[in-house]
PDB file of N, CA and C in Angstrom:
ATOM      1  N   VAL A   1       6.978  27.076   6.522  1.00  0.00           N
ATOM      2  CA  VAL A   1       5.574  26.834   6.824  1.00  0.00           C
ATOM      3  C   VAL A   1       5.513  25.797   7.921  1.00  0.00           C
ATOM      4  N   ARG A   2       4.839  26.145   8.988  1.00  0.00           N
ATOM      5  CA  ARG A   2       4.692  25.230  10.107  1.00  0.00           C
ATOM      6  C   ARG A   2       3.352  24.509   9.945  1.00  0.00           C
ATOM      7  N   THR A   3       3.387  23.325   9.413  1.00  0.00           N
ATOM      8  CA  THR A   3       2.152  22.623   9.078  1.00  0.00           C
ATOM      9  C   THR A   3       1.441  22.058  10.300  1.00  0.00           C
ATOM     10  N   GLY A   4       2.130  21.882  11.412  1.00  0.00           N
ATOM     11  CA  GLY A   4       1.515  21.290  12.590  1.00  0.00           C
ATOM     12  C   GLY A   4       0.787  22.286  13.481  1.00  0.00           C
ATOM     13  N   ASP A   5       1.032  23.578  13.310  1.00  0.00           N
ATOM     14  CA  ASP A   5       0.418  24.591  14.167  1.00  0.00           C
ATOM     15  C   ASP A   5      -1.021  24.858  13.768  1.00  0.00           C
ATOM     16  N   SER A   6      -1.869  25.022  14.775  1.00  0.00           N
ATOM     17  CA  SER A   6      -3.263  25.340  14.482  1.00  0.00           C
ATOM     18  C   SER A   6      -3.390  26.755  13.907  1.00  0.00           C
ATOM     19  N   GLU A   7      -2.496  27.669  14.314  1.00  0.00           N
ATOM     20  CA  GLU A   7      -2.519  29.029  13.772  1.00  0.00           C
ATOM     21  C   GLU A   7      -2.152  29.027  12.285  1.00  0.00           C
ATOM     22  N   ALA A   8      -1.200  28.194  11.904  1.00  0.00           N
ATOM     23  CA  ALA A   8      -0.796  28.125  10.497  1.00  0.00           C
ATOM     24  C   ALA A   8      -1.902  27.526   9.643  1.00  0.00           C
ATOM     25  N   ALA A   9      -2.713  26.667  10.226  1.00  0.00           N
ATOM     26  CA  ALA A   9      -3.803  26.049   9.476  1.00  0.00           C
ATOM     27  C   ALA A   9      -4.886  27.061   9.131  1.00  0.00           C
ATOM     28  N   ASN A  10      -4.955  28.170   9.852  1.00  0.00           N
ATOM     29  CA  ASN A  10      -5.969  29.196   9.611  1.00  0.00           C
ATOM     30  C   ASN A  10      -5.373  30.472   9.019  1.00  0.00           C
ATOM     31  N   ALA A  11      -4.194  30.376   8.431  1.00  0.00           N
ATOM     32  CA  ALA A  11      -3.498  31.562   7.911  1.00  0.00           C
ATOM     33  C   ALA A  11      -4.242  32.165   6.723  1.00  0.00           C
ATOM     34  N   HIS A  12      -4.213  33.489   6.632  1.00  0.00           N
ATOM     35  CA  HIS A  12      -4.809  34.191   5.508  1.00  0.00           C
ATOM     36  C   HIS A  12      -3.762  34.576   4.472  1.00  0.00           C
ATOM     37  N   ALA A  13      -2.479  34.563   4.865  1.00  0.00           N
ATOM     38  CA  ALA A  13      -1.399  34.912   3.951  1.00  0.00           C
ATOM     39  C   ALA A  13      -0.157  34.103   4.304  1.00  0.00           C
ATOM     40  N   ILE A  14       0.697  33.919   3.309  1.00  0.00           N
ATOM     41  CA  ILE A  14       1.965  33.228   3.508  1.00  0.00           C
ATOM     42  C   ILE A  14       3.074  34.137   3.003  1.00  0.00           C
ATOM     43  N   LEU A  15       4.111  34.331   3.828  1.00  0.00           N
ATOM     44  CA  LEU A  15       5.307  35.076   3.439  1.00  0.00           C
ATOM     45  C   LEU A  15       6.458  34.082   3.330  1.00  0.00           C
ATOM     46  N   LEU A  16       7.162  34.104   2.214  1.00  0.00           N
ATOM     47  CA  LEU A  16       8.266  33.175   1.977  1.00  0.00           C
ATOM     48  C   LEU A  16       9.546  33.920   1.678  1.00  0.00           C
ATOM     49  N   ARG A  17      10.647  33.261   1.926  1.00  0.00           N
ATOM     50  CA  ARG A  17      11.927  33.764   1.451  1.00  0.00           C
ATOM     51  C   ARG A  17      12.518  32.728   0.494  1.00  0.00           C
ATOM     52  N   SER A  18      13.017  31.622   1.006  1.00  0.00           N
ATOM     53  CA  SER A  18      13.626  30.613   0.136  1.00  0.00           C
ATOM     54  C   SER A  18      12.954  29.246   0.251  1.00  0.00           C
ATOM     55  N   HIS A  19      11.980  29.114   1.117  1.00  0.00           N
ATOM     56  CA  HIS A  19      11.288  27.831   1.300  1.00  0.00           C
ATOM     57  C   HIS A  19      10.586  27.431   0.010  1.00  0.00           C
ATOM     58  N   LYS A  20      10.738  26.177  -0.388  1.00  0.00           N
ATOM     59  CA  LYS A  20      10.052  25.651  -1.579  1.00  0.00           C
ATOM     60  C   LYS A  20       8.643  25.244  -1.157  1.00  0.00           C
ATOM     61  N   LEU A  21       7.673  26.071  -1.513  1.00  0.00           N
ATOM     62  CA  LEU A  21       6.288  25.858  -1.109  1.00  0.00           C
ATOM     63  C   LEU A  21       5.644  24.775  -1.964  1.00  0.00           C
ATOM     64  N   LYS A  22       5.040  23.805  -1.297  1.00  0.00           N
ATOM     65  CA  LYS A  22       4.310  22.749  -1.986  1.00  0.00           C
ATOM     66  C   LYS A  22       2.822  23.034  -1.860  1.00  0.00           C
ATOM     67  N   GLU A  23       2.068  22.628  -2.845  1.00  0.00           N
ATOM     68  CA  GLU A  23       0.636  22.914  -2.871  1.00  0.00           C
ATOM     69  C   GLU A  23      -0.080  22.385  -1.630  1.00  0.00           C
ATOM     70  N   GLU A  24       0.317  21.219  -1.153  1.00  0.00           N
ATOM     71  CA  GLU A  24      -0.359  20.631   0.010  1.00  0.00           C
ATOM     72  C   GLU A  24      -0.079  21.388   1.311  1.00  0.00           C
ATOM     73  N   GLU A  25       0.914  22.280   1.308  1.00  0.00           N
ATOM     74  CA  GLU A  25       1.219  23.084   2.497  1.00  0.00           C
ATOM     75  C   GLU A  25       0.348  24.339   2.591  1.00  0.00           C
ATOM     76  N   VAL A  26      -0.399  24.641   1.555  1.00  0.00           N
ATOM     77  CA  VAL A  26      -1.203  25.861   1.528  1.00  0.00           C
ATOM     78  C   VAL A  26      -2.600  25.557   2.078  1.00  0.00           C
ATOM     79  N   PRO A  27      -2.930  26.126   3.253  1.00  0.00           N
ATOM     80  CA  PRO A  27      -4.266  25.894   3.807  1.00  0.00           C
ATOM     81  C   PRO A  27      -5.347  26.523   2.928  1.00  0.00           C
ATOM     82  N   HIS A  28      -6.556  26.031   3.034  1.00  0.00           N
ATOM     83  CA  HIS A  28      -7.656  26.538   2.209  1.00  0.00           C
ATOM     84  C   HIS A  28      -8.048  27.973   2.572  1.00  0.00           C
ATOM     85  N   THR A  29      -7.563  28.471   3.717  1.00  0.00           N
ATOM     86  CA  THR A  29      -7.900  29.833   4.159  1.00  0.00           C
ATOM     87  C   THR A  29      -6.991  30.908   3.569  1.00  0.00           C
ATOM     88  N   VAL A  30      -5.914  30.501   2.887  1.00  0.00           N
ATOM     89  CA  VAL A  30      -4.939  31.465   2.353  1.00  0.00           C
ATOM     90  C   VAL A  30      -5.562  32.290   1.234  1.00  0.00           C
ATOM     91  N   ARG A  31      -5.354  33.609   1.329  1.00  0.00           N
ATOM     92  CA  ARG A  31      -5.875  34.538   0.326  1.00  0.00           C
ATOM     93  C   ARG A  31      -4.789  35.154  -0.532  1.00  0.00           C
ATOM     94  N   ALA A  32      -3.514  35.096  -0.090  1.00  0.00           N
ATOM     95  CA  ALA A  32      -2.405  35.663  -0.856  1.00  0.00           C
ATOM     96  C   ALA A  32      -1.087  35.037  -0.393  1.00  0.00           C
ATOM     97  N   ILE A  33      -0.126  35.000  -1.318  1.00  0.00           N
ATOM     98  CA  ILE A  33       1.217  34.504  -1.023  1.00  0.00           C
ATOM     99  C   ILE A  33       2.209  35.566  -1.487  1.00  0.00           C
ATOM    100  N   ALA A  34       3.152  35.928  -0.621  1.00  0.00           N
ATOM    101  CA  ALA A  34       4.164  36.926  -0.959  1.00  0.00           C
ATOM    102  C   ALA A  34       5.550  36.317  -0.818  1.00  0.00           C
ATOM    103  N   ARG A  35       6.387  36.563  -1.790  1.00  0.00           N
ATOM    104  CA  ARG A  35       7.771  36.100  -1.790  1.00  0.00           C
ATOM    105  C   ARG A  35       8.651  37.303  -1.492  1.00  0.00           C
ATOM    106  N   CYS A  36       9.415  37.241  -0.409  1.00  0.00           N
ATOM    107  CA  CYS A  36      10.311  38.337  -0.033  1.00  0.00           C
ATOM    108  C   CYS A  36      11.590  38.227  -0.859  1.00  0.00           C
ATOM    109  N   GLY A  37      11.654  38.958  -1.943  1.00  0.00           N
ATOM    110  CA  GLY A  37      12.790  38.924  -2.848  1.00  0.00           C
ATOM    111  C   GLY A  37      12.310  38.869  -4.284  1.00  0.00           C
ATOM    112  N   ALA A  38      13.252  38.733  -5.190  1.00  0.00           N
ATOM    113  CA  ALA A  38      12.912  38.692  -6.612  1.00  0.00           C
ATOM    114  C   ALA A  38      12.552  37.274  -7.032  1.00  0.00           C
ATOM    115  N   GLY A  39      11.646  37.155  -7.955  1.00  0.00           N
ATOM    116  CA  GLY A  39      11.270  35.858  -8.505  1.00  0.00           C
ATOM    117  C   GLY A  39      10.228  35.132  -7.669  1.00  0.00           C
ATOM    118  N   THR A  40       9.603  34.158  -8.296  1.00  0.00           N
ATOM    119  CA  THR A  40       8.598  33.326  -7.612  1.00  0.00           C
ATOM    120  C   THR A  40       8.829  31.857  -7.947  1.00  0.00           C
ATOM    121  N   ASN A  41      10.092  31.490  -8.175  1.00  0.00           N
ATOM    122  CA  ASN A  41      10.400  30.129  -8.601  1.00  0.00           C
ATOM    123  C   ASN A  41      10.182  29.079  -7.517  1.00  0.00           C
ATOM    124  N   ASN A  42       9.950  29.478  -6.277  1.00  0.00           N
ATOM    125  CA  ASN A  42       9.718  28.509  -5.203  1.00  0.00           C
ATOM    126  C   ASN A  42       8.238  28.416  -4.825  1.00  0.00           C
ATOM    127  N   VAL A  43       7.368  28.949  -5.691  1.00  0.00           N
ATOM    128  CA  VAL A  43       5.922  28.924  -5.455  1.00  0.00           C
ATOM    129  C   VAL A  43       5.251  28.333  -6.700  1.00  0.00           C
ATOM    130  N   PRO A  44       4.319  27.393  -6.529  1.00  0.00           N
ATOM    131  CA  PRO A  44       3.593  26.863  -7.691  1.00  0.00           C
ATOM    132  C   PRO A  44       2.573  27.891  -8.200  1.00  0.00           C
ATOM    133  N   VAL A  45       3.060  28.888  -8.947  1.00  0.00           N
ATOM    134  CA  VAL A  45       2.247  30.037  -9.359  1.00  0.00           C
ATOM    135  C   VAL A  45       1.046  29.605 -10.203  1.00  0.00           C
ATOM    136  N   ALA A  46       1.258  28.713 -11.136  1.00  0.00           N
ATOM    137  CA  ALA A  46       0.156  28.301 -12.019  1.00  0.00           C
ATOM    138  C   ALA A  46      -0.995  27.696 -11.209  1.00  0.00           C
ATOM    139  N   ARG A  47      -0.669  26.836 -10.269  1.00  0.00           N
ATOM    140  CA  ARG A  47      -1.715  26.203  -9.450  1.00  0.00           C
ATOM    141  C   ARG A  47      -2.382  27.215  -8.532  1.00  0.00           C
ATOM    142  N   MET A  48      -1.606  28.133  -7.952  1.00  0.00           N
ATOM    143  CA  MET A  48      -2.194  29.151  -7.076  1.00  0.00           C
ATOM    144  C   MET A  48      -3.125  30.067  -7.874  1.00  0.00           C
ATOM    145  N   THR A  49      -2.764  30.352  -9.130  1.00  0.00           N
ATOM    146  CA  THR A  49      -3.623  31.163  -9.987  1.00  0.00           C
ATOM    147  C   THR A  49      -4.937  30.445 -10.258  1.00  0.00           C
ATOM    148  N   GLU A  50      -4.877  29.138 -10.495  1.00  0.00           N
ATOM    149  CA  GLU A  50      -6.089  28.346 -10.701  1.00  0.00           C
ATOM    150  C   GLU A  50      -7.003  28.400  -9.479  1.00  0.00           C
ATOM    151  N   LEU A  51      -6.395  28.451  -8.304  1.00  0.00           N
ATOM    152  CA  LEU A  51      -7.162  28.495  -7.056  1.00  0.00           C
ATOM    153  C   LEU A  51      -7.613  29.913  -6.706  1.00  0.00           C
ATOM    154  N   GLY A  52      -7.184  30.896  -7.486  1.00  0.00           N
ATOM    155  CA  GLY A  52      -7.571  32.279  -7.230  1.00  0.00           C
ATOM    156  C   GLY A  52      -6.752  32.956  -6.149  1.00  0.00           C
ATOM    157  N   ILE A  53      -5.554  32.424  -5.881  1.00  0.00           N
ATOM    158  CA  ILE A  53      -4.675  32.991  -4.855  1.00  0.00           C
ATOM    159  C   ILE A  53      -3.589  33.805  -5.554  1.00  0.00           C
ATOM    160  N   PRO A  54      -3.561  35.128  -5.360  1.00  0.00           N
ATOM    161  CA  PRO A  54      -2.508  35.930  -5.995  1.00  0.00           C
ATOM    162  C   PRO A  54      -1.152  35.691  -5.348  1.00  0.00           C
ATOM    163  N   VAL A  55      -0.103  35.725  -6.182  1.00  0.00           N
ATOM    164  CA  VAL A  55       1.270  35.539  -5.719  1.00  0.00           C
ATOM    165  C   VAL A  55       2.035  36.821  -6.039  1.00  0.00           C
ATOM    166  N   PHE A  56       2.681  37.391  -5.026  1.00  0.00           N
ATOM    167  CA  PHE A  56       3.437  38.631  -5.158  1.00  0.00           C
ATOM    168  C   PHE A  56       4.907  38.367  -4.895  1.00  0.00           C
ATOM    169  N   ASN A  57       5.771  39.247  -5.400  1.00  0.00           N
ATOM    170  CA  ASN A  57       7.171  39.236  -5.006  1.00  0.00           C
ATOM    171  C   ASN A  57       7.607  40.677  -4.737  1.00  0.00           C
ATOM    172  N   THR A  58       8.784  40.837  -4.157  1.00  0.00           N
ATOM    173  CA  THR A  58       9.257  42.175  -3.774  1.00  0.00           C
ATOM    174  C   THR A  58      10.662  42.422  -4.315  1.00  0.00           C
ATOM    175  N   PRO A  59      10.816  42.527  -5.644  1.00  0.00           N
ATOM    176  CA  PRO A  59      12.164  42.762  -6.174  1.00  0.00           C
ATOM    177  C   PRO A  59      12.667  44.143  -5.774  1.00  0.00           C
ATOM    178  N   GLY A  60      13.913  44.194  -5.364  1.00  0.00           N
ATOM    179  CA  GLY A  60      14.522  45.476  -5.011  1.00  0.00           C
ATOM    180  C   GLY A  60      14.127  46.013  -3.652  1.00  0.00           C
ATOM    181  N   ALA A  61      13.466  45.206  -2.836  1.00  0.00           N
ATOM    182  CA  ALA A  61      13.001  45.691  -1.533  1.00  0.00           C
ATOM    183  C   ALA A  61      14.155  46.075  -0.612  1.00  0.00           C
ATOM    184  N   ASN A  62      15.299  45.430  -0.761  1.00  0.00           N
ATOM    185  CA  ASN A  62      16.438  45.748   0.108  1.00  0.00           C
ATOM    186  C   ASN A  62      17.456  46.644  -0.590  1.00  0.00           C
ATOM    187  N   ALA A  63      17.080  47.300  -1.678  1.00  0.00           N
ATOM    188  CA  ALA A  63      18.023  48.126  -2.441  1.00  0.00           C
ATOM    189  C   ALA A  63      18.606  49.258  -1.603  1.00  0.00           C
ATOM    190  N   ASN A  64      17.796  49.913  -0.779  1.00  0.00           N
ATOM    191  CA  ASN A  64      18.314  51.006   0.056  1.00  0.00           C
ATOM    192  C   ASN A  64      19.354  50.503   1.052  1.00  0.00           C
ATOM    193  N   ALA A  65      19.108  49.344   1.641  1.00  0.00           N
ATOM    194  CA  ALA A  65      20.070  48.790   2.599  1.00  0.00           C
ATOM    195  C   ALA A  65      21.394  48.470   1.913  1.00  0.00           C
ATOM    196  N   VAL A  66      21.331  47.961   0.703  1.00  0.00           N
ATOM    197  CA  VAL A  66      22.557  47.655  -0.040  1.00  0.00           C
ATOM    198  C   VAL A  66      23.312  48.935  -0.364  1.00  0.00           C
ATOM    199  N   LYS A  67      22.610  49.962  -0.806  1.00  0.00           N
ATOM    200  CA  LYS A  67      23.262  51.245  -1.111  1.00  0.00           C
ATOM    201  C   LYS A  67      23.942  51.818   0.131  1.00  0.00           C
ATOM    202  N   GLU A  68      23.256  51.761   1.265  1.00  0.00           N
ATOM    203  CA  GLU A  68      23.822  52.290   2.507  1.00  0.00           C
ATOM    204  C   GLU A  68      25.077  51.519   2.908  1.00  0.00           C
ATOM    205  N   LEU A  69      25.046  50.218   2.743  1.00  0.00           N
ATOM    206  CA  LEU A  69      26.202  49.397   3.092  1.00  0.00           C
ATOM    207  C   LEU A  69      27.395  49.726   2.196  1.00  0.00           C
ATOM    208  N   VAL A  70      27.150  49.903   0.895  1.00  0.00           N
ATOM    209  CA  VAL A  70      28.232  50.244  -0.028  1.00  0.00           C
ATOM    210  C   VAL A  70      28.823  51.611   0.313  1.00  0.00           C
ATOM    211  N   LEU A  71      27.971  52.603   0.558  1.00  0.00           N
ATOM    212  CA  LEU A  71      28.479  53.935   0.923  1.00  0.00           C
ATOM    213  C   LEU A  71      29.276  53.899   2.218  1.00  0.00           C
ATOM    214  N   CYS A  72      28.786  53.156   3.188  1.00  0.00           N
ATOM    215  CA  CYS A  72      29.506  53.035   4.467  1.00  0.00           C
ATOM    216  C   CYS A  72      30.889  52.428   4.234  1.00  0.00           C
ATOM    217  N   GLY A  73      30.950  51.387   3.408  1.00  0.00           N
ATOM    218  CA  GLY A  73      32.241  50.774   3.097  1.00  0.00           C
ATOM    219  C   GLY A  73      33.184  51.738   2.400  1.00  0.00           C
ATOM    220  N   MET A  74      32.638  52.546   1.502  1.00  0.00           N
ATOM    221  CA  MET A  74      33.462  53.540   0.805  1.00  0.00           C
ATOM    222  C   MET A  74      33.986  54.593   1.778  1.00  0.00           C
ATOM    223  N   PHE A  75      33.131  55.059   2.684  1.00  0.00           N
ATOM    224  CA  PHE A  75      33.574  56.042   3.675  1.00  0.00           C
ATOM    225  C   PHE A  75      34.632  55.454   4.600  1.00  0.00           C
ATOM    226  N   LEU A  76      34.405  54.233   5.068  1.00  0.00           N
ATOM    227  CA  LEU A  76      35.380  53.596   5.938  1.00  0.00           C
ATOM    228  C   LEU A  76      36.724  53.423   5.237  1.00  0.00           C
ATOM    229  N   GLY A  77      36.685  53.014   3.970  1.00  0.00           N
ATOM    230  CA  GLY A  77      37.913  52.834   3.214  1.00  0.00           C
ATOM    231  C   GLY A  77      38.616  54.141   2.909  1.00  0.00           C
ATOM    232  N   SER A  78      37.857  55.208   2.596  1.00  0.00           N
ATOM    233  CA  SER A  78      38.472  56.489   2.230  1.00  0.00           C
ATOM    234  C   SER A  78      39.099  57.171   3.437  1.00  0.00           C
ATOM    235  N   ARG A  79      38.598  56.929   4.618  1.00  0.00           N
ATOM    236  CA  ARG A  79      39.146  57.522   5.852  1.00  0.00           C
ATOM    237  C   ARG A  79      40.168  56.601   6.517  1.00  0.00           C
ATOM    238  N   ARG A  80      40.429  55.483   5.896  1.00  0.00           N
ATOM    239  CA  ARG A  80      41.376  54.480   6.397  1.00  0.00           C
ATOM    240  C   ARG A  80      41.017  53.991   7.805  1.00  0.00           C
ATOM    241  N   ILE A  81      39.730  53.954   8.072  1.00  0.00           N
ATOM    242  CA  ILE A  81      39.272  53.392   9.350  1.00  0.00           C
ATOM    243  C   ILE A  81      39.413  51.875   9.287  1.00  0.00           C
ATOM    244  N   VAL A  82      39.084  51.330   8.138  1.00  0.00           N
ATOM    245  CA  VAL A  82      39.251  49.908   7.888  1.00  0.00           C
ATOM    246  C   VAL A  82      40.023  49.788   6.592  1.00  0.00           C
ATOM    247  N   ASP A  83      41.199  49.155   6.658  1.00  0.00           N
ATOM    248  CA  ASP A  83      41.991  48.967   5.438  1.00  0.00           C
ATOM    249  C   ASP A  83      41.641  47.624   4.824  1.00  0.00           C
ATOM    250  N   GLY A  84      41.793  47.573   3.521  1.00  0.00           N
ATOM    251  CA  GLY A  84      41.586  46.287   2.864  1.00  0.00           C
ATOM    252  C   GLY A  84      40.844  46.368   1.669  1.00  0.00           C
TER     253      GLY A  84
END
């Protein structure tokens, strides 16, 4: 969260990955907070709920990328393109 930017002060949504969000960093214009990944342990969910701000997370959002990476590794290993 860039607290010094005028654009951030007027944000309607916040997207997080691992940043520990503090209540004072949330502008009054925010309407929703989304956590990219599983869990919401870095967002003060109880306080955001009191303020009427919904908090979302995206568990399993990168599941397809992980599956593709595993299959690629299996193909590379089975064809001996990459040993190890």
